[in-house]
Amino acid sequence: MTARRVGWLLAAGLAVIAFAIWLSSQRHLERSTSAGDAVLPGLTQGVNTVTRLELTRGDGTKATVNKAGDGWTVSERDWPADVGKVRKLLLALGALTVVEEKTRLPANYPALGVEDVTTPKASGTRVAAVSPARTWALIVGKSSSAKSGFVRVAGAEQSLLAAPLLSVDADPKSWLANALLDVPVERVRQVEERPAQGAAFSAGREKKEDAHFTVSPLPKGRELTAPGAADGIPAALSALTLDDVHKGAAPADAHLAHALFHTFDGLDLDVAGRKDGTRSLIAVSARGTSKDGQAEADKINARLAGWEFDVPEYKYTAIFTPLEELLKKPPEPAKKAPAAAQPRSRAPASAAPH
């Protein structure tokens, strides 16, 4: 056998091997999925290695949640994330299994909401779970039922109907840890209301056992709508949550209302509030009047100082309740009686004819 013939055979053999490798890889990439297969293989085993969650929509909305020590942080707000919610999504992604295969045609993706999120018209949400070793990513589309929805692994042609139904939101504020303050009403001794406009007043009690908070000063001649009319104000910081957060202070020209909460055990809280369109914003500062109170105040300031918080409207209204809303309406002034009608004068009778 000549050297030339050996060379041809060697080249042909290498070509066959290369073709076999390519064919094998294509079969792997294009393999069909079966009902019950994991949509994101390996995520269940690697869930504890994930260090970042990315949620992106075509309109530019994006939430990035990064692991920080034992917790998670929402990068767009630089505020702690709801760890339970992060864990719930990661476990749901790992548990996601195929119900059946759906379309492979890009033209049909929009009907399922699984098109690439590269244009504002895209209706799905791209979700990526990132670990140092690999990234699991898919596009979450429309729901099919209460238990399943349409998805497509990022970069794959095959779309899928998968279960369980995923609930994802790319709005950063939906991932925030929303616990703000929890000061039970039992602790509160007095609240001083200093509104931006209107009369200042306080709601207080001498002892914890007192049934209601008294209001002073009351305008002359006015009275409360009920003995417990002011009781909602001291309770306003119990289980207080946030809707959103913003780093920085209020503008210098902002008209701020202040509510100063004083507890029986030595904690003072100054809650400053303002309205900005539909947003109800507060900032919180604390100080202690006892050793334990100061220790608690330091913790509160370390966590909340330098931030403004969007809070629910009903909570804002409770914190900054105007005095007028606690009072009975004043009696309407008595209406003046109409002046008595004057008798009409009669014309003199004409003389009778003779």
Protein backbone atom coordinates (compact mmCIF):
# COMPACT_ATOMS: atom_id res chain seq x y z
CA MET A 1 0.00 0.00 0.00
CA THR A 2 1.44 3.33 -1.05
CA ALA A 3 1.95 6.21 1.30
CA ARG A 4 -0.52 8.23 -0.76
CA ARG A 5 -3.23 5.59 -0.33
CA VAL A 6 -2.55 5.44 3.41
CA GLY A 7 -2.93 9.22 3.59
CA TRP A 8 -6.30 9.07 1.81
CA LEU A 9 -7.56 6.36 4.13
CA LEU A 10 -6.42 8.29 7.18
CA ALA A 11 -8.14 11.46 5.97
CA ALA A 12 -11.35 9.53 5.23
CA GLY A 13 -11.25 7.96 8.68
CA LEU A 14 -10.85 11.34 10.35
CA ALA A 15 -13.75 12.71 8.31
CA VAL A 16 -15.99 9.82 9.39
CA ILE A 17 -15.05 10.35 13.05
CA ALA A 18 -15.71 14.10 12.82
CA PHE A 19 -19.08 13.49 11.17
CA ALA A 20 -20.02 10.99 13.87
CA ILE A 21 -19.12 13.48 16.60
CA TRP A 22 -21.16 16.23 14.91
CA LEU A 23 -24.13 13.90 14.40
CA SER A 24 -23.97 12.83 18.02
CA SER A 25 -23.93 16.43 19.21
CA GLN A 26 -26.87 17.34 16.99
CA ARG A 27 -28.86 14.41 18.28
CA HIS A 28 -28.10 15.57 21.81
CA LEU A 29 -29.18 19.13 21.07
CA GLU A 30 -32.31 18.15 19.23
CA ARG A 31 -33.35 15.25 21.41
CA SER A 32 -37.04 15.07 22.07
CA THR A 33 -38.27 15.55 25.60
CA SER A 34 -40.65 13.29 27.40
CA ALA A 35 -43.38 14.09 29.87
CA GLY A 36 -41.88 14.27 33.33
CA ASP A 37 -38.40 15.34 32.18
CA ALA A 38 -36.82 18.21 34.07
CA VAL A 39 -36.95 21.43 32.07
CA LEU A 40 -33.72 22.65 33.70
CA PRO A 41 -31.70 19.50 34.47
CA GLY A 42 -29.27 19.81 37.34
CA LEU A 43 -30.85 22.84 38.98
CA THR A 44 -32.42 20.87 41.82
CA GLN A 45 -29.00 19.47 42.73
CA GLY A 46 -27.27 22.82 42.22
CA VAL A 47 -29.84 25.12 43.81
CA ASN A 48 -27.56 25.94 46.74
CA THR A 49 -24.79 27.02 44.36
CA VAL A 50 -26.92 29.75 42.73
CA THR A 51 -25.60 33.22 43.54
CA ARG A 52 -27.74 35.41 41.30
CA LEU A 53 -31.25 35.59 39.91
CA GLU A 54 -31.97 37.74 36.86
CA LEU A 55 -35.48 38.53 35.66
CA THR A 56 -35.84 40.55 32.46
CA ARG A 57 -38.71 41.76 30.29
CA GLY A 58 -38.67 43.19 26.79
CA ASP A 59 -39.79 46.62 27.98
CA GLY A 60 -36.55 47.00 29.96
CA THR A 61 -37.94 46.05 33.36
CA LYS A 62 -35.29 44.09 35.23
CA ALA A 63 -34.71 42.70 38.70
CA THR A 64 -31.32 41.37 39.77
CA VAL A 65 -31.14 39.53 43.09
CA ASN A 66 -27.65 38.71 44.35
CA LYS A 67 -26.64 36.41 47.17
CA ALA A 68 -24.89 38.29 49.96
CA GLY A 69 -23.67 36.09 52.81
CA ASP A 70 -26.69 34.32 54.25
CA GLY A 71 -29.12 36.71 52.57
CA TRP A 72 -29.98 38.20 49.19
CA THR A 73 -30.01 41.80 47.93
CA VAL A 74 -32.04 43.48 45.19
CA SER A 75 -29.33 45.25 43.20
CA GLU A 76 -31.63 47.86 41.67
CA ARG A 77 -32.56 49.08 45.17
CA ASP A 78 -29.52 47.97 47.22
CA TRP A 79 -32.03 46.66 49.76
CA PRO A 80 -32.43 43.15 51.22
CA ALA A 81 -34.53 40.73 49.19
CA ASP A 82 -37.32 38.49 50.41
CA VAL A 83 -35.30 35.31 51.01
CA GLY A 84 -38.40 33.14 51.15
CA LYS A 85 -39.57 34.38 47.76
CA VAL A 86 -36.14 33.79 46.21
CA ARG A 87 -35.99 30.28 47.61
CA LYS A 88 -39.52 29.52 46.43
CA LEU A 89 -38.70 30.51 42.83
CA LEU A 90 -35.46 28.53 42.76
CA LEU A 91 -37.20 25.41 44.03
CA ALA A 92 -40.03 25.87 41.52
CA LEU A 93 -37.52 26.22 38.67
CA GLY A 94 -35.77 23.05 39.78
CA ALA A 95 -39.07 21.18 40.05
CA LEU A 96 -40.31 22.34 36.63
CA THR A 97 -41.11 19.33 34.46
CA VAL A 98 -42.31 18.81 30.90
CA VAL A 99 -46.00 18.19 30.32
CA GLU A 100 -45.71 18.12 26.54
CA GLU A 101 -43.76 19.64 23.67
CA LYS A 102 -45.23 22.61 21.84
CA THR A 103 -44.18 24.64 18.81
CA ARG A 104 -40.63 24.93 17.47
CA LEU A 105 -41.50 27.73 15.05
CA PRO A 106 -40.36 31.21 16.12
CA ALA A 107 -43.35 32.73 14.34
CA ASN A 108 -45.63 30.92 16.80
CA TYR A 109 -43.71 31.84 19.97
CA PRO A 110 -45.70 35.05 20.64
CA ALA A 111 -48.93 33.04 20.94
CA LEU A 112 -47.36 31.28 23.93
CA GLY A 113 -45.43 34.30 25.20
CA VAL A 114 -42.05 32.59 24.84
CA GLU A 115 -40.39 34.79 22.21
CA ASP A 116 -36.97 36.31 23.03
CA VAL A 117 -37.32 39.32 25.31
CA THR A 118 -35.49 41.63 22.93
CA THR A 119 -38.38 43.93 21.98
CA PRO A 120 -40.99 45.82 24.03
CA LYS A 121 -43.72 43.67 22.43
CA ALA A 122 -42.39 40.48 24.02
CA SER A 123 -44.83 39.36 26.69
CA GLY A 124 -42.71 36.79 28.53
CA THR A 125 -40.07 37.10 31.23
CA ARG A 126 -36.55 35.71 30.95
CA VAL A 127 -35.43 34.09 34.19
CA ALA A 128 -31.81 33.11 34.78
CA ALA A 129 -30.39 31.31 37.82
CA VAL A 130 -26.62 31.88 37.81
CA SER A 131 -24.01 29.86 39.66
CA PRO A 132 -20.21 30.04 39.35
CA ALA A 133 -20.25 26.86 37.25
CA ARG A 134 -23.24 27.36 34.97
CA THR A 135 -26.41 29.29 34.18
CA TRP A 136 -29.93 27.92 33.90
CA ALA A 137 -32.16 30.23 31.87
CA LEU A 138 -35.60 30.05 30.34
CA ILE A 139 -38.37 32.30 29.10
CA VAL A 140 -41.57 32.08 31.11
CA GLY A 141 -44.60 32.70 28.94
CA LYS A 142 -48.35 32.60 29.32
CA SER A 143 -50.28 30.32 31.63
CA SER A 144 -52.22 27.39 30.22
CA SER A 145 -54.14 26.56 33.37
CA ALA A 146 -53.89 27.08 37.10
CA LYS A 147 -51.22 24.38 37.24
CA SER A 148 -49.10 24.76 34.09
CA GLY A 149 -47.72 27.32 31.68
CA PHE A 150 -45.61 27.73 28.55
CA VAL A 151 -41.83 28.03 28.75
CA ARG A 152 -38.82 27.81 26.47
CA VAL A 153 -35.27 27.15 27.56
CA ALA A 154 -33.18 30.14 26.47
CA GLY A 155 -31.45 29.39 23.17
CA ALA A 156 -33.54 26.29 22.41
CA GLU A 157 -36.07 26.01 19.59
CA GLN A 158 -38.48 23.74 21.39
CA SER A 159 -41.17 25.37 23.49
CA LEU A 160 -42.85 23.41 26.23
CA LEU A 161 -45.92 23.15 28.35
CA ALA A 162 -44.53 22.68 31.85
CA ALA A 163 -45.68 22.37 35.44
CA PRO A 164 -45.88 23.78 38.03
CA LEU A 165 -47.11 27.17 36.85
CA LEU A 166 -44.40 29.75 37.50
CA SER A 167 -45.22 33.17 38.91
CA VAL A 168 -42.44 35.63 38.10
CA ASP A 169 -42.21 39.42 38.29
CA ALA A 170 -39.33 41.50 36.90
CA ASP A 171 -40.27 44.58 38.93
CA PRO A 172 -37.46 45.07 41.51
CA LYS A 173 -39.84 46.22 44.24
CA SER A 174 -41.67 42.90 44.13
CA TRP A 175 -38.50 41.20 45.46
CA LEU A 176 -37.89 43.50 48.42
CA ALA A 177 -38.00 42.28 52.00
CA ASN A 178 -40.92 44.46 53.04
CA ALA A 179 -40.83 44.34 56.85
CA LEU A 180 -40.11 47.90 58.00
CA LEU A 181 -41.07 48.43 61.65
CA ASP A 182 -43.07 46.60 64.26
CA VAL A 183 -43.86 48.65 67.35
CA PRO A 184 -46.88 47.10 69.09
CA VAL A 185 -49.41 49.56 70.42
CA GLU A 186 -48.85 48.12 73.91
CA ARG A 187 -45.44 49.80 73.96
CA VAL A 188 -46.61 53.27 72.92
CA ARG A 189 -47.05 55.94 75.59
CA GLN A 190 -47.59 59.02 73.43
CA VAL A 191 -47.60 60.25 69.85
CA GLU A 192 -46.95 63.91 69.06
CA GLU A 193 -48.46 65.00 65.75
CA ARG A 194 -46.76 67.93 64.04
CA PRO A 195 -48.44 68.26 60.66
CA ALA A 196 -47.08 70.32 57.78
CA GLN A 197 -50.40 72.14 57.87
CA GLY A 198 -53.08 72.21 60.52
CA ALA A 199 -53.13 72.02 64.29
CA ALA A 200 -50.53 70.09 66.30
CA PHE A 201 -51.73 67.75 69.04
CA SER A 202 -50.76 64.65 70.98
CA ALA A 203 -52.43 61.32 71.71
CA GLY A 204 -51.21 59.77 74.94
CA ARG A 205 -51.92 57.76 78.06
CA GLU A 206 -50.47 57.63 81.54
CA LYS A 207 -50.40 53.84 81.97
CA LYS A 208 -50.36 50.82 79.69
CA GLU A 209 -53.60 49.72 81.27
CA ASP A 210 -55.46 52.81 80.08
CA ALA A 211 -58.15 51.74 77.63
CA HIS A 212 -57.81 54.70 75.25
CA PHE A 213 -55.44 57.46 74.23
CA THR A 214 -56.51 60.96 75.17
CA VAL A 215 -56.09 63.88 72.80
CA SER A 216 -54.79 67.28 73.81
CA PRO A 217 -55.27 70.10 73.29
CA LEU A 218 -58.85 69.92 72.08
CA PRO A 219 -60.22 73.01 70.36
CA LYS A 220 -62.63 74.96 72.52
CA GLY A 221 -66.12 73.62 72.28
CA ARG A 222 -65.10 70.48 70.34
CA GLU A 223 -65.10 66.82 71.38
CA LEU A 224 -63.84 63.48 70.01
CA THR A 225 -66.04 61.37 67.79
CA ALA A 226 -65.61 58.54 70.34
CA PRO A 227 -63.44 57.81 73.41
CA GLY A 228 -61.08 55.70 71.29
CA ALA A 229 -61.00 58.02 68.27
CA ALA A 230 -57.19 58.42 68.45
CA ASP A 231 -56.32 54.78 69.21
CA GLY A 232 -55.43 54.05 65.58
CA ILE A 233 -52.51 56.50 65.59
CA PRO A 234 -50.31 54.71 68.18
CA ALA A 235 -51.10 51.38 66.47
CA ALA A 236 -49.88 52.60 63.06
CA LEU A 237 -46.29 51.32 63.46
CA SER A 238 -47.41 47.79 64.28
CA ALA A 239 -46.42 45.43 61.41
CA LEU A 240 -45.54 48.39 59.18
CA THR A 241 -44.41 47.25 55.72
CA LEU A 242 -42.91 49.00 52.71
CA ASP A 243 -43.95 48.94 49.08
CA ASP A 244 -40.70 50.38 47.74
CA VAL A 245 -37.47 52.03 48.90
CA HIS A 246 -35.40 55.00 47.73
CA LYS A 247 -31.94 55.91 48.92
CA GLY A 248 -31.57 59.53 49.94
CA ALA A 249 -33.43 62.19 51.86
CA ALA A 250 -36.50 64.21 50.97
CA PRO A 251 -35.93 67.37 48.87
CA ALA A 252 -34.91 70.41 50.88
CA ASP A 253 -38.12 72.23 49.95
CA ALA A 254 -40.40 69.34 50.92
CA HIS A 255 -43.17 70.10 53.41
CA LEU A 256 -42.80 67.34 55.95
CA ALA A 257 -45.24 66.17 58.57
CA HIS A 258 -43.77 64.61 61.72
CA ALA A 259 -45.19 62.04 64.10
CA LEU A 260 -43.07 61.43 67.21
CA PHE A 261 -43.71 58.07 68.86
CA HIS A 262 -42.60 57.68 72.52
CA THR A 263 -42.65 54.25 74.14
CA PHE A 264 -42.85 53.31 77.81
CA ASP A 265 -39.49 51.51 77.57
CA GLY A 266 -37.33 54.35 76.28
CA LEU A 267 -37.54 54.39 72.49
CA ASP A 268 -38.40 57.55 70.54
CA LEU A 269 -39.17 57.39 66.82
CA ASP A 270 -39.48 60.42 64.57
CA VAL A 271 -41.48 59.52 61.48
CA ALA A 272 -41.29 62.21 58.79
CA GLY A 273 -43.80 61.98 55.97
CA ARG A 274 -44.66 63.60 52.66
CA LYS A 275 -46.83 62.92 49.65
CA ASP A 276 -45.34 62.73 46.16
CA GLY A 277 -48.15 62.26 43.67
CA THR A 278 -49.73 58.94 44.56
CA ARG A 279 -46.77 57.86 46.69
CA SER A 280 -46.86 58.00 50.48
CA LEU A 281 -43.26 58.46 51.66
CA ILE A 282 -41.77 58.30 55.13
CA ALA A 283 -38.32 58.47 56.70
CA VAL A 284 -37.53 57.20 60.19
CA SER A 285 -34.98 58.24 62.81
CA ALA A 286 -34.68 56.89 66.35
CA ARG A 287 -33.13 57.77 69.69
CA GLY A 288 -33.17 56.16 73.09
CA THR A 289 -34.02 57.56 76.50
CA SER A 290 -32.77 54.42 78.27
CA LYS A 291 -29.88 52.03 77.75
CA ASP A 292 -32.04 49.38 76.09
CA GLY A 293 -33.90 52.03 74.15
CA GLN A 294 -30.65 53.45 72.77
CA ALA A 295 -29.45 49.98 71.75
CA GLU A 296 -32.69 49.46 69.83
CA ALA A 297 -32.47 52.96 68.33
CA ASP A 298 -28.94 52.26 67.06
CA LYS A 299 -30.13 49.14 65.27
CA ILE A 300 -33.04 50.99 63.68
CA ASN A 301 -30.84 53.87 62.52
CA ALA A 302 -28.25 51.50 61.10
CA ARG A 303 -30.93 49.86 58.96
CA LEU A 304 -33.21 52.77 58.04
CA ALA A 305 -31.16 55.98 58.12
CA GLY A 306 -30.67 57.58 54.71
CA TRP A 307 -33.73 55.98 53.11
CA GLU A 308 -37.25 56.99 52.17
CA PHE A 309 -39.93 54.32 52.09
CA ASP A 310 -43.13 54.00 50.11
CA VAL A 311 -45.72 52.72 52.57
CA PRO A 312 -49.35 51.70 52.07
CA GLU A 313 -51.72 54.67 51.91
CA TYR A 314 -53.86 53.43 54.80
CA LYS A 315 -50.81 53.21 57.06
CA TYR A 316 -49.64 56.69 56.08
CA THR A 317 -53.09 58.08 56.82
CA ALA A 318 -53.09 56.40 60.24
CA ILE A 319 -49.64 57.77 61.16
CA PHE A 320 -50.51 61.34 60.16
CA THR A 321 -54.18 61.53 61.09
CA PRO A 322 -55.33 65.18 61.17
CA LEU A 323 -56.91 66.41 64.37
CA GLU A 324 -60.07 67.43 62.55
CA GLU A 325 -60.76 63.80 61.61
CA LEU A 326 -60.90 62.86 65.31
CA LEU A 327 -63.49 65.47 66.19
CA LYS A 328 -67.23 65.65 65.91
CA LYS A 329 -68.40 68.21 63.46
CA PRO A 330 -69.27 71.48 65.19
CA PRO A 331 -72.96 72.26 65.38
CA GLU A 332 -74.22 74.35 62.55
CA PRO A 333 -75.13 77.91 63.52
CA ALA A 334 -78.82 78.39 64.10
CA LYS A 335 -80.60 79.74 61.11
CA LYS A 336 -82.15 83.16 61.51
CA ALA A 337 -85.96 83.18 61.49
CA PRO A 338 -87.37 84.97 58.46
CA ALA A 339 -88.66 88.49 59.21
CA ALA A 340 -92.43 88.65 59.92
CA ALA A 341 -94.37 89.64 56.87
CA GLN A 342 -95.80 93.16 57.08
CA PRO A 343 -99.62 93.46 56.53
CA ARG A 344 -100.42 94.88 53.18
CA SER A 345 -102.12 98.31 53.33
CA ARG A 346 -105.62 98.49 51.95
CA ALA A 347 -106.78 101.19 49.62
CA PRO A 348 -109.48 103.47 51.17
CA ALA A 349 -113.00 102.39 50.33
CA SER A 350 -114.66 104.55 47.66
CA ALA A 351 -117.57 106.70 48.79
CA ALA A 352 -120.99 105.14 48.39
CA PRO A 353 -123.24 106.87 45.84
CA HIS A 354 -126.06 108.96 47.17
